[in-house]
Amino acid sequence: MNRLSRLYNITVQLDKILNQTISSKNREEIITTVNQLIEQRGDYLNQVTPPLTADEKIIGKEVVVLNEKIEEQMNDLFDSLKQEMKQMKKQKKSNQSYINPYKSVQAMDGMFLDNKK
């Protein structure tokens, strides 16, 4: 077993995990697993030093291709998470306006204050 085979196996695991259907229910579990695999992968990356054999160069090229795919999938996951957070923030603001509709009104004691914004 050469030095890059473990790195390749972890990269393939990352790809499989990120190819799953990610919902709000399983997102936290998937993110935790991805973080653990990335830490393991980082440790193996630090152990890889030149010179590389011909087989290791081939595996390295496959890892680079998979890494680009994984990076894109992680960016999609991050974007969906940001979108959901924006939606929750917007929903929270909307709910607050129903609870206290006069919170943003700046009139005091029947007097109208003209604030130029």
N, C-alpha and C. Protein backbone atom coordinates (compact mmCIF):
# COMPACT_ATOMS: atom_id res chain seq x y z
N MET A 1 0.86 -1.19 0.00
CA MET A 1 0.00 0.00 0.00
C MET A 1 0.89 1.24 0.00
N ASN A 2 0.78 2.05 -1.03
CA ASN A 2 1.65 3.22 -1.10
C ASN A 2 1.11 4.36 -0.24
N ARG A 3 1.90 5.42 -0.20
CA ARG A 3 1.58 6.53 0.71
C ARG A 3 0.29 7.26 0.36
N LEU A 4 -0.04 7.35 -0.92
CA LEU A 4 -1.20 8.12 -1.34
C LEU A 4 -2.51 7.32 -1.35
N SER A 5 -2.44 6.03 -1.12
CA SER A 5 -3.67 5.23 -1.19
C SER A 5 -4.63 5.59 -0.05
N ARG A 6 -4.10 5.84 1.14
CA ARG A 6 -4.97 6.25 2.25
C ARG A 6 -5.61 7.61 1.96
N LEU A 7 -4.82 8.51 1.42
CA LEU A 7 -5.32 9.82 1.05
C LEU A 7 -6.41 9.70 -0.01
N TYR A 8 -6.19 8.84 -0.98
CA TYR A 8 -7.18 8.61 -2.03
C TYR A 8 -8.47 8.02 -1.44
N ASN A 9 -8.33 7.05 -0.53
CA ASN A 9 -9.52 6.43 0.09
C ASN A 9 -10.35 7.44 0.88
N ILE A 10 -9.68 8.32 1.61
CA ILE A 10 -10.40 9.35 2.37
C ILE A 10 -11.08 10.32 1.42
N THR A 11 -10.42 10.66 0.33
CA THR A 11 -11.00 11.57 -0.66
C THR A 11 -12.23 10.96 -1.30
N VAL A 12 -12.19 9.66 -1.58
CA VAL A 12 -13.35 8.98 -2.15
C VAL A 12 -14.50 8.96 -1.13
N GLN A 13 -14.18 8.74 0.15
CA GLN A 13 -15.22 8.78 1.20
C GLN A 13 -15.87 10.16 1.26
N LEU A 14 -15.07 11.20 1.19
CA LEU A 14 -15.60 12.57 1.19
C LEU A 14 -16.55 12.77 0.02
N ASP A 15 -16.15 12.30 -1.15
CA ASP A 15 -16.97 12.44 -2.34
C ASP A 15 -18.30 11.71 -2.16
N LYS A 16 -18.27 10.50 -1.62
CA LYS A 16 -19.51 9.73 -1.41
C LYS A 16 -20.43 10.44 -0.43
N ILE A 17 -19.86 10.96 0.63
CA ILE A 17 -20.69 11.63 1.65
C ILE A 17 -21.33 12.89 1.08
N LEU A 18 -20.57 13.65 0.31
CA LEU A 18 -21.10 14.90 -0.25
C LEU A 18 -22.05 14.66 -1.41
N ASN A 19 -22.04 13.46 -1.99
CA ASN A 19 -22.98 13.12 -3.06
C ASN A 19 -24.34 12.70 -2.52
N GLN A 20 -24.43 12.47 -1.22
CA GLN A 20 -25.71 12.12 -0.62
C GLN A 20 -26.66 13.30 -0.73
N THR A 21 -27.95 12.98 -0.61
CA THR A 21 -28.94 14.04 -0.54
C THR A 21 -28.84 14.68 0.84
N ILE A 22 -28.58 15.97 0.86
CA ILE A 22 -28.38 16.67 2.12
C ILE A 22 -29.64 17.47 2.43
N SER A 23 -30.25 17.13 3.56
CA SER A 23 -31.44 17.86 4.00
C SER A 23 -31.11 18.56 5.31
N SER A 24 -32.04 19.35 5.79
CA SER A 24 -31.80 20.06 7.04
C SER A 24 -31.72 19.09 8.22
N LYS A 25 -32.28 17.90 8.05
CA LYS A 25 -32.27 16.92 9.14
C LYS A 25 -30.91 16.23 9.28
N ASN A 26 -30.26 15.92 8.18
CA ASN A 26 -29.00 15.20 8.27
C ASN A 26 -27.77 16.08 8.01
N ARG A 27 -27.96 17.36 7.83
CA ARG A 27 -26.87 18.27 7.49
C ARG A 27 -25.81 18.32 8.58
N GLU A 28 -26.22 18.40 9.82
CA GLU A 28 -25.26 18.51 10.91
C GLU A 28 -24.37 17.27 10.99
N GLU A 29 -24.98 16.11 10.83
CA GLU A 29 -24.22 14.86 10.87
C GLU A 29 -23.22 14.79 9.71
N ILE A 30 -23.65 15.19 8.54
CA ILE A 30 -22.78 15.17 7.37
C ILE A 30 -21.62 16.15 7.54
N ILE A 31 -21.90 17.33 8.05
CA ILE A 31 -20.84 18.33 8.24
C ILE A 31 -19.82 17.83 9.26
N THR A 32 -20.28 17.18 10.32
CA THR A 32 -19.37 16.63 11.33
C THR A 32 -18.47 15.56 10.71
N THR A 33 -19.07 14.67 9.93
CA THR A 33 -18.29 13.61 9.28
C THR A 33 -17.29 14.20 8.29
N VAL A 34 -17.72 15.19 7.52
CA VAL A 34 -16.82 15.82 6.55
C VAL A 34 -15.65 16.49 7.26
N ASN A 35 -15.90 17.16 8.38
CA ASN A 35 -14.82 17.80 9.13
C ASN A 35 -13.80 16.78 9.62
N GLN A 36 -14.30 15.64 10.13
CA GLN A 36 -13.39 14.61 10.62
C GLN A 36 -12.53 14.05 9.48
N LEU A 37 -13.16 13.80 8.33
CA LEU A 37 -12.42 13.26 7.20
C LEU A 37 -11.40 14.28 6.67
N ILE A 38 -11.76 15.55 6.68
CA ILE A 38 -10.83 16.58 6.21
C ILE A 38 -9.61 16.67 7.13
N GLU A 39 -9.83 16.52 8.44
CA GLU A 39 -8.70 16.54 9.37
C GLU A 39 -7.78 15.34 9.13
N GLN A 40 -8.37 14.15 8.95
CA GLN A 40 -7.56 12.96 8.66
C GLN A 40 -6.78 13.15 7.36
N ARG A 41 -7.47 13.69 6.38
CA ARG A 41 -6.86 13.90 5.06
C ARG A 41 -5.70 14.89 5.16
N GLY A 42 -5.88 15.93 5.97
CA GLY A 42 -4.81 16.91 6.18
C GLY A 42 -3.58 16.27 6.80
N ASP A 43 -3.80 15.36 7.76
CA ASP A 43 -2.67 14.66 8.37
C ASP A 43 -1.91 13.84 7.33
N TYR A 44 -2.64 13.13 6.46
CA TYR A 44 -1.99 12.33 5.43
C TYR A 44 -1.30 13.21 4.39
N LEU A 45 -1.88 14.35 4.08
CA LEU A 45 -1.25 15.26 3.12
C LEU A 45 0.09 15.77 3.64
N ASN A 46 0.16 16.01 4.95
CA ASN A 46 1.41 16.49 5.53
C ASN A 46 2.50 15.42 5.49
N GLN A 47 2.11 14.15 5.46
CA GLN A 47 3.08 13.06 5.44
C GLN A 47 3.64 12.79 4.04
N VAL A 48 2.94 13.25 3.01
CA VAL A 48 3.37 13.01 1.64
C VAL A 48 4.50 13.97 1.29
N THR A 49 5.63 13.40 0.93
CA THR A 49 6.76 14.22 0.53
C THR A 49 7.37 13.63 -0.75
N PRO A 50 7.94 14.47 -1.60
CA PRO A 50 8.58 13.96 -2.81
C PRO A 50 9.81 13.15 -2.45
N PRO A 51 10.29 12.32 -3.25
CA PRO A 51 9.90 11.99 -4.61
C PRO A 51 8.74 11.00 -4.63
N LEU A 52 7.93 11.13 -5.66
CA LEU A 52 6.78 10.25 -5.82
C LEU A 52 7.06 9.24 -6.91
N THR A 53 6.52 8.05 -6.72
CA THR A 53 6.65 7.02 -7.76
C THR A 53 5.64 7.30 -8.86
N ALA A 54 5.72 6.55 -9.93
CA ALA A 54 4.80 6.74 -11.06
C ALA A 54 3.37 6.43 -10.64
N ASP A 55 3.19 5.37 -9.85
CA ASP A 55 1.84 5.02 -9.37
C ASP A 55 1.28 6.12 -8.47
N GLU A 56 2.13 6.67 -7.63
CA GLU A 56 1.69 7.73 -6.72
C GLU A 56 1.32 8.99 -7.49
N LYS A 57 2.00 9.27 -8.58
CA LYS A 57 1.66 10.43 -9.40
C LYS A 57 0.29 10.26 -10.03
N ILE A 58 -0.02 9.05 -10.48
CA ILE A 58 -1.34 8.78 -11.07
C ILE A 58 -2.43 8.95 -10.02
N ILE A 59 -2.19 8.38 -8.83
CA ILE A 59 -3.17 8.53 -7.74
C ILE A 59 -3.30 10.00 -7.35
N GLY A 60 -2.19 10.71 -7.34
CA GLY A 60 -2.22 12.14 -7.01
C GLY A 60 -3.07 12.94 -7.97
N LYS A 61 -2.99 12.62 -9.26
CA LYS A 61 -3.81 13.32 -10.25
C LYS A 61 -5.29 13.02 -10.03
N GLU A 62 -5.61 11.78 -9.67
CA GLU A 62 -7.01 11.43 -9.38
C GLU A 62 -7.51 12.15 -8.14
N VAL A 63 -6.63 12.28 -7.14
CA VAL A 63 -7.00 13.01 -5.91
C VAL A 63 -7.27 14.47 -6.23
N VAL A 64 -6.47 15.06 -7.10
CA VAL A 64 -6.66 16.47 -7.47
C VAL A 64 -8.01 16.66 -8.16
N VAL A 65 -8.36 15.75 -9.07
CA VAL A 65 -9.65 15.84 -9.77
C VAL A 65 -10.80 15.69 -8.78
N LEU A 66 -10.69 14.70 -7.89
CA LEU A 66 -11.74 14.51 -6.87
C LEU A 66 -11.81 15.71 -5.94
N ASN A 67 -10.65 16.29 -5.63
CA ASN A 67 -10.63 17.44 -4.73
C ASN A 67 -11.39 18.63 -5.32
N GLU A 68 -11.25 18.85 -6.61
CA GLU A 68 -11.99 19.95 -7.25
C GLU A 68 -13.49 19.70 -7.17
N LYS A 69 -13.89 18.46 -7.39
CA LYS A 69 -15.31 18.10 -7.30
C LYS A 69 -15.82 18.28 -5.87
N ILE A 70 -15.03 17.85 -4.90
CA ILE A 70 -15.42 17.98 -3.49
C ILE A 70 -15.52 19.44 -3.10
N GLU A 71 -14.59 20.25 -3.57
CA GLU A 71 -14.62 21.68 -3.24
C GLU A 71 -15.90 22.33 -3.77
N GLU A 72 -16.29 21.96 -4.97
CA GLU A 72 -17.52 22.50 -5.55
C GLU A 72 -18.75 22.06 -4.74
N GLN A 73 -18.76 20.79 -4.33
CA GLN A 73 -19.88 20.28 -3.54
C GLN A 73 -19.94 20.97 -2.18
N MET A 74 -18.78 21.21 -1.57
CA MET A 74 -18.76 21.89 -0.28
C MET A 74 -19.22 23.33 -0.41
N ASN A 75 -18.86 23.99 -1.50
CA ASN A 75 -19.34 25.36 -1.74
C ASN A 75 -20.86 25.39 -1.91
N ASP A 76 -21.40 24.38 -2.61
CA ASP A 76 -22.86 24.29 -2.76
C ASP A 76 -23.53 24.10 -1.40
N LEU A 77 -22.95 23.25 -0.57
CA LEU A 77 -23.48 23.01 0.77
C LEU A 77 -23.44 24.30 1.59
N PHE A 78 -22.33 25.02 1.51
CA PHE A 78 -22.17 26.27 2.24
C PHE A 78 -23.17 27.32 1.76
N ASP A 79 -23.36 27.40 0.44
CA ASP A 79 -24.31 28.36 -0.11
C ASP A 79 -25.74 28.05 0.33
N SER A 80 -26.10 26.76 0.34
CA SER A 80 -27.45 26.40 0.78
C SER A 80 -27.64 26.71 2.25
N LEU A 81 -26.59 26.51 3.04
CA LEU A 81 -26.67 26.83 4.46
C LEU A 81 -26.82 28.34 4.67
N LYS A 82 -26.07 29.14 3.91
CA LYS A 82 -26.20 30.60 4.01
C LYS A 82 -27.60 31.05 3.60
N GLN A 83 -28.13 30.44 2.55
CA GLN A 83 -29.48 30.79 2.08
C GLN A 83 -30.51 30.48 3.15
N GLU A 84 -30.37 29.33 3.80
CA GLU A 84 -31.32 28.97 4.85
C GLU A 84 -31.20 29.91 6.04
N MET A 85 -29.98 30.33 6.36
CA MET A 85 -29.79 31.26 7.48
C MET A 85 -30.43 32.61 7.16
N LYS A 86 -30.29 33.07 5.91
CA LYS A 86 -30.93 34.34 5.51
C LYS A 86 -32.45 34.22 5.63
N GLN A 87 -32.97 33.08 5.19
CA GLN A 87 -34.42 32.86 5.26
C GLN A 87 -34.91 32.87 6.70
N MET A 88 -34.15 32.22 7.59
CA MET A 88 -34.53 32.20 9.01
C MET A 88 -34.48 33.61 9.61
N LYS A 89 -33.47 34.38 9.25
CA LYS A 89 -33.35 35.74 9.75
C LYS A 89 -34.52 36.59 9.26
N LYS A 90 -34.88 36.43 8.00
CA LYS A 90 -36.00 37.17 7.42
C LYS A 90 -37.31 36.76 8.10
N GLN A 91 -37.46 35.47 8.35
CA GLN A 91 -38.68 34.99 9.01
C GLN A 91 -38.76 35.51 10.44
N LYS A 92 -37.63 35.56 11.13
CA LYS A 92 -37.60 36.09 12.50
C LYS A 92 -38.00 37.56 12.51
N LYS A 93 -37.48 38.33 11.55
CA LYS A 93 -37.82 39.75 11.46
C LYS A 93 -39.31 39.92 11.16
N SER A 94 -39.83 39.09 10.28
CA SER A 94 -41.25 39.15 9.94
C SER A 94 -42.12 38.83 11.15
N ASN A 95 -41.72 37.82 11.91
CA ASN A 95 -42.48 37.45 13.11
C ASN A 95 -42.45 38.58 14.13
N GLN A 96 -41.30 39.26 14.27
CA GLN A 96 -41.20 40.36 15.21
C GLN A 96 -42.14 41.51 14.82
N SER A 97 -42.31 41.72 13.52
CA SER A 97 -43.19 42.81 13.09
C SER A 97 -44.66 42.49 13.41
N TYR A 98 -45.00 41.22 13.46
CA TYR A 98 -46.35 40.85 13.86
C TYR A 98 -46.55 40.97 15.36
N ILE A 99 -45.51 40.69 16.12
CA ILE A 99 -45.61 40.78 17.58
C ILE A 99 -45.69 42.23 18.02
N ASN A 100 -44.84 43.09 17.47
CA ASN A 100 -44.82 44.50 17.85
C ASN A 100 -44.79 45.35 16.58
N PRO A 101 -45.97 45.61 15.99
CA PRO A 101 -45.99 46.31 14.70
C PRO A 101 -45.57 47.78 14.78
N TYR A 102 -45.58 48.38 15.94
CA TYR A 102 -45.26 49.80 16.07
C TYR A 102 -43.84 50.03 16.58
N LYS A 103 -43.03 49.01 16.54
CA LYS A 103 -41.66 49.12 17.02
C LYS A 103 -40.84 50.10 16.18
N SER A 104 -41.05 50.10 14.89
CA SER A 104 -40.25 50.95 14.02
C SER A 104 -40.86 52.34 13.81
N VAL A 105 -42.03 52.59 14.34
CA VAL A 105 -42.64 53.91 14.20
C VAL A 105 -41.92 54.87 15.14
N GLN A 106 -41.58 56.04 14.63
CA GLN A 106 -40.79 56.96 15.43
C GLN A 106 -41.59 58.18 15.89
N ALA A 107 -42.88 58.04 16.02
CA ALA A 107 -43.70 59.14 16.52
C ALA A 107 -43.83 58.98 18.03
N MET A 108 -43.70 60.10 18.74
CA MET A 108 -43.78 60.05 20.20
C MET A 108 -44.83 61.04 20.66
N ASP A 109 -45.75 60.61 21.50
CA ASP A 109 -46.78 61.46 22.10
C ASP A 109 -47.60 62.22 21.06
N GLY A 110 -47.92 61.59 19.99
CA GLY A 110 -48.75 62.21 18.98
C GLY A 110 -48.00 63.20 18.12
N MET A 111 -46.74 63.36 18.36
CA MET A 111 -45.94 64.31 17.59
C MET A 111 -45.17 63.54 16.51
N PHE A 112 -45.14 64.05 15.32
CA PHE A 112 -44.45 63.40 14.22
C PHE A 112 -43.05 63.96 14.11
N LEU A 113 -42.06 63.05 14.12
CA LEU A 113 -40.66 63.46 13.96
C LEU A 113 -40.21 63.09 12.55
N ASP A 114 -39.72 64.10 11.85
CA ASP A 114 -39.26 63.86 10.48
C ASP A 114 -37.77 63.54 10.51
N ASN A 115 -37.47 62.28 10.30
CA ASN A 115 -36.07 61.87 10.25
C ASN A 115 -35.71 61.57 8.81
N LYS A 116 -34.81 62.34 8.28
CA LYS A 116 -34.38 62.08 6.91
C LYS A 116 -33.32 60.97 6.95
N LYS A 117 -33.53 60.00 6.08
CA LYS A 117 -32.63 58.86 6.07
C LYS A 117 -31.86 58.82 4.77
